[in-house]
Amino acid sequence: MSSALDHANGTSSVMLDAASIAGLKRLAARADDLLALLDLIGSGIARGPEIADNVNGLVQLARSAGGLQGEKLTEITKSLAQLRELVTSDSFNELAVALQDPTTGENLVKLLARSGDLAALVNLLDAFLKRGPEFADNINGLVAMARGLKVPEQVPALFDALQKLDYVGLVSLTNTLYPILASPQVQTLLTRTDILGEGTLALVNAAAQSALDAQAEQTRTDARTGPIGVLRGLGDPDVQRTIAFALDLAKRFGAKLRTGPALPNDLPG
């Protein structure tokens, strides 16, 4: 941009080059923004005393908060020093590193979420510890009561027998007996026959007891009986009753043999 003197009227004229013209165009395009800025500056200057009063009020409030002797300011300064010492400590750095671990952070969040439960647990433990002497007195009372009890004589013998048990052999025996007891044959014997019925067991027990008594008597006397003795024994009512039982048994068993018992098809033959 250059200027020149107009000799006709004694004024100077301004010669605008291309760059100056482009700048003026940009300035004209931002005219609204410039006007808004000027208005803002003007209103700020107009409100200068009000703003100054507000600033003075804030300064006065800060001075009042600090107290006449500055105790609050001293306390804040001390707290800031303690905070600076804390954040620069090794323990804080270790804690910061630990919190960067996602697992640790997740666990800490879960712990904070259960803080209420933890507080209740702490209160429970605290109450338990406070009642510790009471619990101890109750336990001592139970121990004294147990010492006063009379233990049956069979209990020591039971414990002695339990100590002598062959547990390995017992487990082996159980492993052997279980397949037998669970077999279809044994289940049929237990549920579909009278072999283990009350009457059958009583009859077998009577026969066994009679056989044992007869064997003991024969061993004691070493008695011998010939044909004459057999004929003489046939006159005994008990012998006659046994012979009648044997004949009736032979008749009934013969009828069973005649009709043929239902035998399994898989019997060896």
C-alpha atoms as a PDB file:
ATOM      1  CA  MET A   1       0.000   0.000   0.000  1.00  0.00           C
ATOM      2  CA  SER A   2       1.355   3.548  -0.895  1.00  0.00           C
ATOM      3  CA  SER A   3       0.154   7.174  -0.596  1.00  0.00           C
ATOM      4  CA  ALA A   4       0.357  10.213  -3.000  1.00  0.00           C
ATOM      5  CA  LEU A   5      -0.444  13.993  -2.745  1.00  0.00           C
ATOM      6  CA  ASP A   6      -3.553  15.275  -4.628  1.00  0.00           C
ATOM      7  CA  HIS A   7      -2.468  18.784  -5.828  1.00  0.00           C
ATOM      8  CA  ALA A   8      -5.999  19.803  -6.787  1.00  0.00           C
ATOM      9  CA  ASN A   9      -7.370  19.856  -3.240  1.00  0.00           C
ATOM     10  CA  GLY A  10      -4.203  19.488  -1.174  1.00  0.00           C
ATOM     11  CA  THR A  11      -5.092  16.060   0.280  1.00  0.00           C
ATOM     12  CA  SER A  12      -3.244  12.795   0.061  1.00  0.00           C
ATOM     13  CA  SER A  13      -4.675   9.669  -1.554  1.00  0.00           C
ATOM     14  CA  VAL A  14      -4.004   6.090  -0.633  1.00  0.00           C
ATOM     15  CA  MET A  15      -2.971   3.603  -3.282  1.00  0.00           C
ATOM     16  CA  LEU A  16      -4.104   0.034  -2.346  1.00  0.00           C
ATOM     17  CA  ASP A  17      -2.231  -2.908  -3.651  1.00  0.00           C
ATOM     18  CA  ALA A  18      -3.685  -6.455  -4.053  1.00  0.00           C
ATOM     19  CA  ALA A  19      -2.566  -7.632  -0.578  1.00  0.00           C
ATOM     20  CA  SER A  20      -4.118  -4.639   1.152  1.00  0.00           C
ATOM     21  CA  ILE A  21      -7.356  -5.144  -0.720  1.00  0.00           C
ATOM     22  CA  ALA A  22      -7.449  -8.808   0.316  1.00  0.00           C
ATOM     23  CA  GLY A  23      -6.854  -7.821   3.965  1.00  0.00           C
ATOM     24  CA  LEU A  24      -9.654  -5.294   3.879  1.00  0.00           C
ATOM     25  CA  LYS A  25     -11.968  -7.925   2.445  1.00  0.00           C
ATOM     26  CA  ARG A  26     -11.140 -10.292   5.295  1.00  0.00           C
ATOM     27  CA  LEU A  27     -11.651  -7.497   7.832  1.00  0.00           C
ATOM     28  CA  ALA A  28     -15.029  -6.666   6.307  1.00  0.00           C
ATOM     29  CA  ALA A  29     -16.026 -10.357   6.454  1.00  0.00           C
ATOM     30  CA  ARG A  30     -15.301 -10.378  10.249  1.00  0.00           C
ATOM     31  CA  ALA A  31     -17.073  -7.087  10.869  1.00  0.00           C
ATOM     32  CA  ASP A  32     -19.771  -8.692  13.017  1.00  0.00           C
ATOM     33  CA  ASP A  33     -17.161 -10.419  15.218  1.00  0.00           C
ATOM     34  CA  LEU A  34     -15.245  -7.160  15.616  1.00  0.00           C
ATOM     35  CA  LEU A  35     -18.394  -5.311  16.626  1.00  0.00           C
ATOM     36  CA  ALA A  36     -19.275  -8.024  19.190  1.00  0.00           C
ATOM     37  CA  LEU A  37     -15.737  -7.788  20.624  1.00  0.00           C
ATOM     38  CA  LEU A  38     -15.965  -4.047  20.888  1.00  0.00           C
ATOM     39  CA  ASP A  39     -19.336  -4.331  22.632  1.00  0.00           C
ATOM     40  CA  LEU A  40     -17.860  -6.851  25.103  1.00  0.00           C
ATOM     41  CA  ILE A  41     -14.919  -4.588  25.847  1.00  0.00           C
ATOM     42  CA  GLY A  42     -17.228  -1.637  26.234  1.00  0.00           C
ATOM     43  CA  SER A  43     -19.525  -3.456  28.651  1.00  0.00           C
ATOM     44  CA  GLY A  44     -16.520  -4.683  30.598  1.00  0.00           C
ATOM     45  CA  ILE A  45     -15.214  -1.139  30.933  1.00  0.00           C
ATOM     46  CA  ALA A  46     -18.664   0.035  31.929  1.00  0.00           C
ATOM     47  CA  ARG A  47     -18.862  -2.675  34.652  1.00  0.00           C
ATOM     48  CA  GLY A  48     -15.332  -2.021  35.819  1.00  0.00           C
ATOM     49  CA  PRO A  49     -16.313  -0.702  39.297  1.00  0.00           C
ATOM     50  CA  GLU A  50     -18.705  -3.639  39.853  1.00  0.00           C
ATOM     51  CA  ILE A  51     -16.045  -6.202  38.890  1.00  0.00           C
ATOM     52  CA  ALA A  52     -13.529  -4.461  41.106  1.00  0.00           C
ATOM     53  CA  ASP A  53     -15.946  -4.644  44.024  1.00  0.00           C
ATOM     54  CA  ASN A  54     -16.459  -8.387  43.443  1.00  0.00           C
ATOM     55  CA  VAL A  55     -12.707  -9.014  43.316  1.00  0.00           C
ATOM     56  CA  ASN A  56     -12.219  -7.021  46.499  1.00  0.00           C
ATOM     57  CA  GLY A  57     -15.004  -9.075  48.120  1.00  0.00           C
ATOM     58  CA  LEU A  58     -13.314 -12.357  47.183  1.00  0.00           C
ATOM     59  CA  VAL A  59     -10.015 -11.106  48.567  1.00  0.00           C
ATOM     60  CA  GLN A  60     -11.714 -10.058  51.791  1.00  0.00           C
ATOM     61  CA  LEU A  61     -13.476 -13.465  52.033  1.00  0.00           C
ATOM     62  CA  ALA A  62     -10.197 -15.313  51.597  1.00  0.00           C
ATOM     63  CA  ARG A  63      -8.607 -13.153  54.291  1.00  0.00           C
ATOM     64  CA  SER A  64     -11.529 -13.811  56.645  1.00  0.00           C
ATOM     65  CA  ALA A  65     -11.302 -17.583  56.042  1.00  0.00           C
ATOM     66  CA  GLY A  66      -7.615 -17.510  56.905  1.00  0.00           C
ATOM     67  CA  GLY A  67      -8.219 -15.823  60.217  1.00  0.00           C
ATOM     68  CA  LEU A  68      -6.382 -12.924  61.702  1.00  0.00           C
ATOM     69  CA  GLN A  69      -3.358 -15.107  62.516  1.00  0.00           C
ATOM     70  CA  GLY A  70      -3.537 -17.254  59.357  1.00  0.00           C
ATOM     71  CA  GLU A  71      -4.247 -20.563  61.197  1.00  0.00           C
ATOM     72  CA  LYS A  72      -6.363 -21.909  58.312  1.00  0.00           C
ATOM     73  CA  LEU A  73      -3.681 -21.054  55.782  1.00  0.00           C
ATOM     74  CA  THR A  74      -1.067 -22.787  57.907  1.00  0.00           C
ATOM     75  CA  GLU A  75      -3.284 -25.871  58.248  1.00  0.00           C
ATOM     76  CA  ILE A  76      -3.871 -25.998  54.475  1.00  0.00           C
ATOM     77  CA  THR A  77      -0.142 -25.655  53.825  1.00  0.00           C
ATOM     78  CA  LYS A  78       0.578 -28.485  56.273  1.00  0.00           C
ATOM     79  CA  SER A  79      -2.055 -30.711  54.649  1.00  0.00           C
ATOM     80  CA  LEU A  80      -0.602 -30.031  51.196  1.00  0.00           C
ATOM     81  CA  ALA A  81       2.850 -30.977  52.476  1.00  0.00           C
ATOM     82  CA  GLN A  82       1.499 -34.224  53.926  1.00  0.00           C
ATOM     83  CA  LEU A  83      -0.310 -34.974  50.661  1.00  0.00           C
ATOM     84  CA  ARG A  84       2.888 -34.337  48.690  1.00  0.00           C
ATOM     85  CA  GLU A  85       4.811 -36.659  51.046  1.00  0.00           C
ATOM     86  CA  LEU A  86       2.150 -39.344  50.631  1.00  0.00           C
ATOM     87  CA  VAL A  87       2.030 -39.319  46.832  1.00  0.00           C
ATOM     88  CA  THR A  88       5.832 -39.450  46.608  1.00  0.00           C
ATOM     89  CA  SER A  89       6.187 -42.369  49.049  1.00  0.00           C
ATOM     90  CA  ASP A  90       7.251 -45.875  47.948  1.00  0.00           C
ATOM     91  CA  SER A  91       4.088 -47.457  49.370  1.00  0.00           C
ATOM     92  CA  PHE A  92       1.885 -45.129  47.314  1.00  0.00           C
ATOM     93  CA  ASN A  93       3.888 -45.946  44.191  1.00  0.00           C
ATOM     94  CA  GLU A  94       3.492 -49.669  44.869  1.00  0.00           C
ATOM     95  CA  LEU A  95      -0.234 -49.159  45.367  1.00  0.00           C
ATOM     96  CA  ALA A  96      -0.470 -47.226  42.100  1.00  0.00           C
ATOM     97  CA  VAL A  97       1.354 -50.024  40.239  1.00  0.00           C
ATOM     98  CA  ALA A  98      -0.942 -52.644  41.801  1.00  0.00           C
ATOM     99  CA  LEU A  99      -4.041 -50.692  40.787  1.00  0.00           C
ATOM    100  CA  GLN A 100      -2.870 -50.768  37.170  1.00  0.00           C
ATOM    101  CA  ASP A 101      -3.328 -54.571  37.210  1.00  0.00           C
ATOM    102  CA  PRO A 102      -6.870 -55.255  35.871  1.00  0.00           C
ATOM    103  CA  THR A 103      -7.318 -58.238  38.202  1.00  0.00           C
ATOM    104  CA  THR A 104      -6.315 -56.246  41.276  1.00  0.00           C
ATOM    105  CA  GLY A 105      -8.569 -53.367  40.271  1.00  0.00           C
ATOM    106  CA  GLU A 106     -11.513 -55.702  39.681  1.00  0.00           C
ATOM    107  CA  ASN A 107     -10.990 -57.397  43.051  1.00  0.00           C
ATOM    108  CA  LEU A 108     -10.779 -54.030  44.784  1.00  0.00           C
ATOM    109  CA  VAL A 109     -14.035 -52.926  43.158  1.00  0.00           C
ATOM    110  CA  LYS A 110     -15.709 -56.156  44.322  1.00  0.00           C
ATOM    111  CA  LEU A 111     -14.302 -55.600  47.810  1.00  0.00           C
ATOM    112  CA  LEU A 112     -15.691 -52.079  47.931  1.00  0.00           C
ATOM    113  CA  ALA A 113     -19.051 -53.362  46.672  1.00  0.00           C
ATOM    114  CA  ARG A 114     -19.150 -55.824  49.595  1.00  0.00           C
ATOM    115  CA  SER A 115     -17.965 -53.267  52.125  1.00  0.00           C
ATOM    116  CA  GLY A 116     -21.312 -53.468  53.938  1.00  0.00           C
ATOM    117  CA  ASP A 117     -20.980 -57.236  54.356  1.00  0.00           C
ATOM    118  CA  LEU A 118     -17.384 -56.853  55.528  1.00  0.00           C
ATOM    119  CA  ALA A 119     -18.440 -54.283  58.098  1.00  0.00           C
ATOM    120  CA  ALA A 120     -21.149 -56.651  59.359  1.00  0.00           C
ATOM    121  CA  LEU A 121     -18.585 -59.467  59.581  1.00  0.00           C
ATOM    122  CA  VAL A 122     -16.199 -57.265  61.543  1.00  0.00           C
ATOM    123  CA  ASN A 123     -19.011 -56.329  63.937  1.00  0.00           C
ATOM    124  CA  LEU A 124     -19.869 -60.023  64.337  1.00  0.00           C
ATOM    125  CA  LEU A 125     -16.269 -60.935  65.120  1.00  0.00           C
ATOM    126  CA  ASP A 126     -16.025 -58.022  67.523  1.00  0.00           C
ATOM    127  CA  ALA A 127     -19.153 -59.201  69.354  1.00  0.00           C
ATOM    128  CA  PHE A 128     -17.765 -62.747  69.407  1.00  0.00           C
ATOM    129  CA  LEU A 129     -14.481 -61.582  70.930  1.00  0.00           C
ATOM    130  CA  LYS A 130     -16.315 -59.518  73.525  1.00  0.00           C
ATOM    131  CA  ARG A 131     -18.328 -62.610  74.527  1.00  0.00           C
ATOM    132  CA  GLY A 132     -15.222 -64.797  74.584  1.00  0.00           C
ATOM    133  CA  PRO A 133     -15.126 -65.161  78.384  1.00  0.00           C
ATOM    134  CA  GLU A 134     -18.797 -66.151  78.405  1.00  0.00           C
ATOM    135  CA  PHE A 135     -18.175 -68.818  75.772  1.00  0.00           C
ATOM    136  CA  ALA A 136     -15.156 -70.084  77.710  1.00  0.00           C
ATOM    137  CA  ASP A 137     -17.245 -70.421  80.873  1.00  0.00           C
ATOM    138  CA  ASN A 138     -19.885 -72.395  78.964  1.00  0.00           C
ATOM    139  CA  ILE A 139     -17.261 -74.718  77.483  1.00  0.00           C
ATOM    140  CA  ASN A 140     -15.676 -75.262  80.884  1.00  0.00           C
ATOM    141  CA  GLY A 141     -19.112 -76.113  82.255  1.00  0.00           C
ATOM    142  CA  LEU A 142     -19.681 -78.672  79.506  1.00  0.00           C
ATOM    143  CA  VAL A 143     -16.274 -80.233  80.165  1.00  0.00           C
ATOM    144  CA  ALA A 144     -17.018 -80.503  83.863  1.00  0.00           C
ATOM    145  CA  MET A 145     -20.406 -82.052  83.093  1.00  0.00           C
ATOM    146  CA  ALA A 146     -18.793 -84.563  80.722  1.00  0.00           C
ATOM    147  CA  ARG A 147     -16.261 -85.556  83.385  1.00  0.00           C
ATOM    148  CA  GLY A 148     -19.094 -86.267  85.782  1.00  0.00           C
ATOM    149  CA  LEU A 149     -20.863 -88.646  83.387  1.00  0.00           C
ATOM    150  CA  LYS A 150     -20.543 -92.380  83.924  1.00  0.00           C
ATOM    151  CA  VAL A 151     -19.259 -94.003  80.754  1.00  0.00           C
ATOM    152  CA  PRO A 152     -20.807 -97.440  80.095  1.00  0.00           C
ATOM    153  CA  GLU A 153     -18.378-100.295  80.381  1.00  0.00           C
ATOM    154  CA  GLN A 154     -19.096-101.356  76.795  1.00  0.00           C
ATOM    155  CA  VAL A 155     -17.796 -98.054  75.327  1.00  0.00           C
ATOM    156  CA  PRO A 156     -14.067 -98.695  75.968  1.00  0.00           C
ATOM    157  CA  ALA A 157     -14.485-102.229  74.633  1.00  0.00           C
ATOM    158  CA  LEU A 158     -16.166-100.795  71.523  1.00  0.00           C
ATOM    159  CA  PHE A 159     -13.310 -98.364  70.941  1.00  0.00           C
ATOM    160  CA  ASP A 160     -10.796-101.171  71.442  1.00  0.00           C
ATOM    161  CA  ALA A 161     -12.619-103.336  68.916  1.00  0.00           C
ATOM    162  CA  LEU A 162     -12.736-100.459  66.414  1.00  0.00           C
ATOM    163  CA  GLN A 163      -8.976-100.013  66.695  1.00  0.00           C
ATOM    164  CA  LYS A 164      -8.453-103.701  65.910  1.00  0.00           C
ATOM    165  CA  LEU A 165     -10.639-103.683  62.807  1.00  0.00           C
ATOM    166  CA  ASP A 166      -8.951-104.543  59.542  1.00  0.00           C
ATOM    167  CA  TYR A 167     -10.394-101.691  57.490  1.00  0.00           C
ATOM    168  CA  VAL A 168      -8.581-102.761  54.320  1.00  0.00           C
ATOM    169  CA  GLY A 169      -9.984-106.258  54.664  1.00  0.00           C
ATOM    170  CA  LEU A 170     -13.428-104.830  55.459  1.00  0.00           C
ATOM    171  CA  VAL A 171     -13.391-102.766  52.267  1.00  0.00           C
ATOM    172  CA  SER A 172     -12.241-105.799  50.272  1.00  0.00           C
ATOM    173  CA  LEU A 173     -14.997-107.929  51.803  1.00  0.00           C
ATOM    174  CA  THR A 174     -17.576-105.257  50.968  1.00  0.00           C
ATOM    175  CA  ASN A 175     -16.380-105.132  47.371  1.00  0.00           C
ATOM    176  CA  THR A 176     -16.735-108.927  47.204  1.00  0.00           C
ATOM    177  CA  LEU A 177     -20.137-109.183  48.878  1.00  0.00           C
ATOM    178  CA  TYR A 178     -21.867-106.338  47.082  1.00  0.00           C
ATOM    179  CA  PRO A 179     -21.944-107.986  43.617  1.00  0.00           C
ATOM    180  CA  ILE A 180     -23.227-111.203  45.229  1.00  0.00           C
ATOM    181  CA  LEU A 181     -25.991-109.467  47.188  1.00  0.00           C
ATOM    182  CA  ALA A 182     -26.972-107.386  44.155  1.00  0.00           C
ATOM    183  CA  SER A 183     -27.165-110.434  41.844  1.00  0.00           C
ATOM    184  CA  PRO A 184     -30.599-111.504  40.490  1.00  0.00           C
ATOM    185  CA  GLN A 185     -30.288-114.910  42.198  1.00  0.00           C
ATOM    186  CA  VAL A 186     -29.860-113.445  45.675  1.00  0.00           C
ATOM    187  CA  GLN A 187     -32.606-110.861  45.068  1.00  0.00           C
ATOM    188  CA  THR A 188     -34.950-113.698  44.036  1.00  0.00           C
ATOM    189  CA  LEU A 189     -33.930-115.626  47.149  1.00  0.00           C
ATOM    190  CA  LEU A 190     -34.748-112.632  49.340  1.00  0.00           C
ATOM    191  CA  THR A 191     -38.000-111.540  47.716  1.00  0.00           C
ATOM    192  CA  ARG A 192     -39.645-114.493  45.934  1.00  0.00           C
ATOM    193  CA  THR A 193     -38.957-117.539  48.133  1.00  0.00           C
ATOM    194  CA  ASP A 194     -39.723-118.691  51.684  1.00  0.00           C
ATOM    195  CA  ILE A 195     -36.184-119.905  52.367  1.00  0.00           C
ATOM    196  CA  LEU A 196     -35.493-116.910  54.605  1.00  0.00           C
ATOM    197  CA  GLY A 197     -39.023-116.738  56.001  1.00  0.00           C
ATOM    198  CA  GLU A 198     -39.639-116.718  59.737  1.00  0.00           C
ATOM    199  CA  GLY A 199     -41.108-120.268  59.763  1.00  0.00           C
ATOM    200  CA  THR A 200     -38.276-121.694  57.653  1.00  0.00           C
ATOM    201  CA  LEU A 201     -35.618-120.158  59.829  1.00  0.00           C
ATOM    202  CA  ALA A 202     -37.351-121.411  62.997  1.00  0.00           C
ATOM    203  CA  LEU A 203     -37.514-124.971  61.573  1.00  0.00           C
ATOM    204  CA  VAL A 204     -33.892-124.917  60.472  1.00  0.00           C
ATOM    205  CA  ASN A 205     -32.858-123.510  63.846  1.00  0.00           C
ATOM    206  CA  ALA A 206     -34.769-126.289  65.655  1.00  0.00           C
ATOM    207  CA  ALA A 207     -33.134-128.952  63.474  1.00  0.00           C
ATOM    208  CA  ALA A 208     -29.697-127.456  64.019  1.00  0.00           C
ATOM    209  CA  GLN A 209     -30.192-127.202  67.780  1.00  0.00           C
ATOM    210  CA  SER A 210     -31.410-130.828  67.937  1.00  0.00           C
ATOM    211  CA  ALA A 211     -28.413-131.982  65.910  1.00  0.00           C
ATOM    212  CA  LEU A 212     -26.007-130.099  68.206  1.00  0.00           C
ATOM    213  CA  ASP A 213     -27.602-131.519  71.350  1.00  0.00           C
ATOM    214  CA  ALA A 214     -27.541-135.060  69.919  1.00  0.00           C
ATOM    215  CA  GLN A 215     -23.935-134.679  68.871  1.00  0.00           C
ATOM    216  CA  ALA A 216     -22.926-133.450  72.345  1.00  0.00           C
ATOM    217  CA  GLU A 217     -24.770-136.369  74.015  1.00  0.00           C
ATOM    218  CA  GLN A 218     -23.264-138.935  71.680  1.00  0.00           C
ATOM    219  CA  THR A 219     -19.791-137.522  72.270  1.00  0.00           C
ATOM    220  CA  ARG A 220     -20.306-137.676  76.044  1.00  0.00           C
ATOM    221  CA  THR A 221     -21.687-141.262  76.199  1.00  0.00           C
ATOM    222  CA  ASP A 222     -20.255-142.789  73.021  1.00  0.00           C
ATOM    223  CA  ALA A 223     -23.524-144.740  72.819  1.00  0.00           C
ATOM    224  CA  ARG A 224     -23.991-147.498  70.209  1.00  0.00           C
ATOM    225  CA  THR A 225     -27.328-148.794  68.862  1.00  0.00           C
ATOM    226  CA  GLY A 226     -27.976-151.978  66.907  1.00  0.00           C
ATOM    227  CA  PRO A 227     -31.069-153.245  65.095  1.00  0.00           C
ATOM    228  CA  ILE A 228     -32.731-154.182  68.374  1.00  0.00           C
ATOM    229  CA  GLY A 229     -32.076-150.699  69.689  1.00  0.00           C
ATOM    230  CA  VAL A 230     -33.622-149.200  66.549  1.00  0.00           C
ATOM    231  CA  LEU A 231     -36.745-151.308  67.005  1.00  0.00           C
ATOM    232  CA  ARG A 232     -36.877-150.352  70.651  1.00  0.00           C
ATOM    233  CA  GLY A 233     -36.528-146.667  69.730  1.00  0.00           C
ATOM    234  CA  LEU A 234     -39.520-146.872  67.423  1.00  0.00           C
ATOM    235  CA  GLY A 235     -41.679-147.107  70.507  1.00  0.00           C
ATOM    236  CA  ASP A 236     -40.599-143.574  71.629  1.00  0.00           C
ATOM    237  CA  PRO A 237     -43.397-141.032  70.837  1.00  0.00           C
ATOM    238  CA  ASP A 238     -40.847-138.374  69.858  1.00  0.00           C
ATOM    239  CA  VAL A 239     -39.145-140.787  67.456  1.00  0.00           C
ATOM    240  CA  GLN A 240     -42.521-141.716  66.027  1.00  0.00           C
ATOM    241  CA  ARG A 241     -43.300-138.024  65.563  1.00  0.00           C
ATOM    242  CA  THR A 242     -40.002-137.537  63.700  1.00  0.00           C
ATOM    243  CA  ILE A 243     -40.720-140.563  61.489  1.00  0.00           C
ATOM    244  CA  ALA A 244     -44.207-139.206  60.742  1.00  0.00           C
ATOM    245  CA  PHE A 245     -42.676-135.832  59.848  1.00  0.00           C
ATOM    246  CA  ALA A 246     -40.142-137.518  57.568  1.00  0.00           C
ATOM    247  CA  LEU A 247     -42.851-139.572  55.831  1.00  0.00           C
ATOM    248  CA  ASP A 248     -45.054-136.506  55.305  1.00  0.00           C
ATOM    249  CA  LEU A 249     -42.037-134.553  54.013  1.00  0.00           C
ATOM    250  CA  ALA A 250     -41.177-137.409  51.640  1.00  0.00           C
ATOM    251  CA  LYS A 251     -44.762-137.451  50.350  1.00  0.00           C
ATOM    252  CA  ARG A 252     -44.940-133.708  49.761  1.00  0.00           C
ATOM    253  CA  PHE A 253     -41.486-133.535  48.195  1.00  0.00           C
ATOM    254  CA  GLY A 254     -42.353-136.447  45.943  1.00  0.00           C
ATOM    255  CA  ALA A 255     -45.423-134.571  44.722  1.00  0.00           C
ATOM    256  CA  LYS A 256     -43.213-131.580  43.931  1.00  0.00           C
ATOM    257  CA  LEU A 257     -40.838-133.842  42.034  1.00  0.00           C
ATOM    258  CA  ARG A 258     -43.767-135.347  40.118  1.00  0.00           C
ATOM    259  CA  THR A 259     -45.137-132.009  38.955  1.00  0.00           C
ATOM    260  CA  GLY A 260     -41.628-130.771  38.338  1.00  0.00           C
ATOM    261  CA  PRO A 261     -40.305-127.520  39.906  1.00  0.00           C
ATOM    262  CA  ALA A 262     -39.762-124.538  37.597  1.00  0.00           C
ATOM    263  CA  LEU A 263     -36.025-124.540  37.008  1.00  0.00           C
ATOM    264  CA  PRO A 264     -33.996-121.861  35.231  1.00  0.00           C
ATOM    265  CA  ASN A 265     -33.192-122.523  31.612  1.00  0.00           C
ATOM    266  CA  ASP A 266     -29.532-121.670  31.998  1.00  0.00           C
ATOM    267  CA  LEU A 267     -28.709-124.458  34.485  1.00  0.00           C
ATOM    268  CA  PRO A 268     -25.790-126.633  33.405  1.00  0.00           C
ATOM    269  CA  GLY A 269     -27.035-130.016  32.181  1.00  0.00           C
END
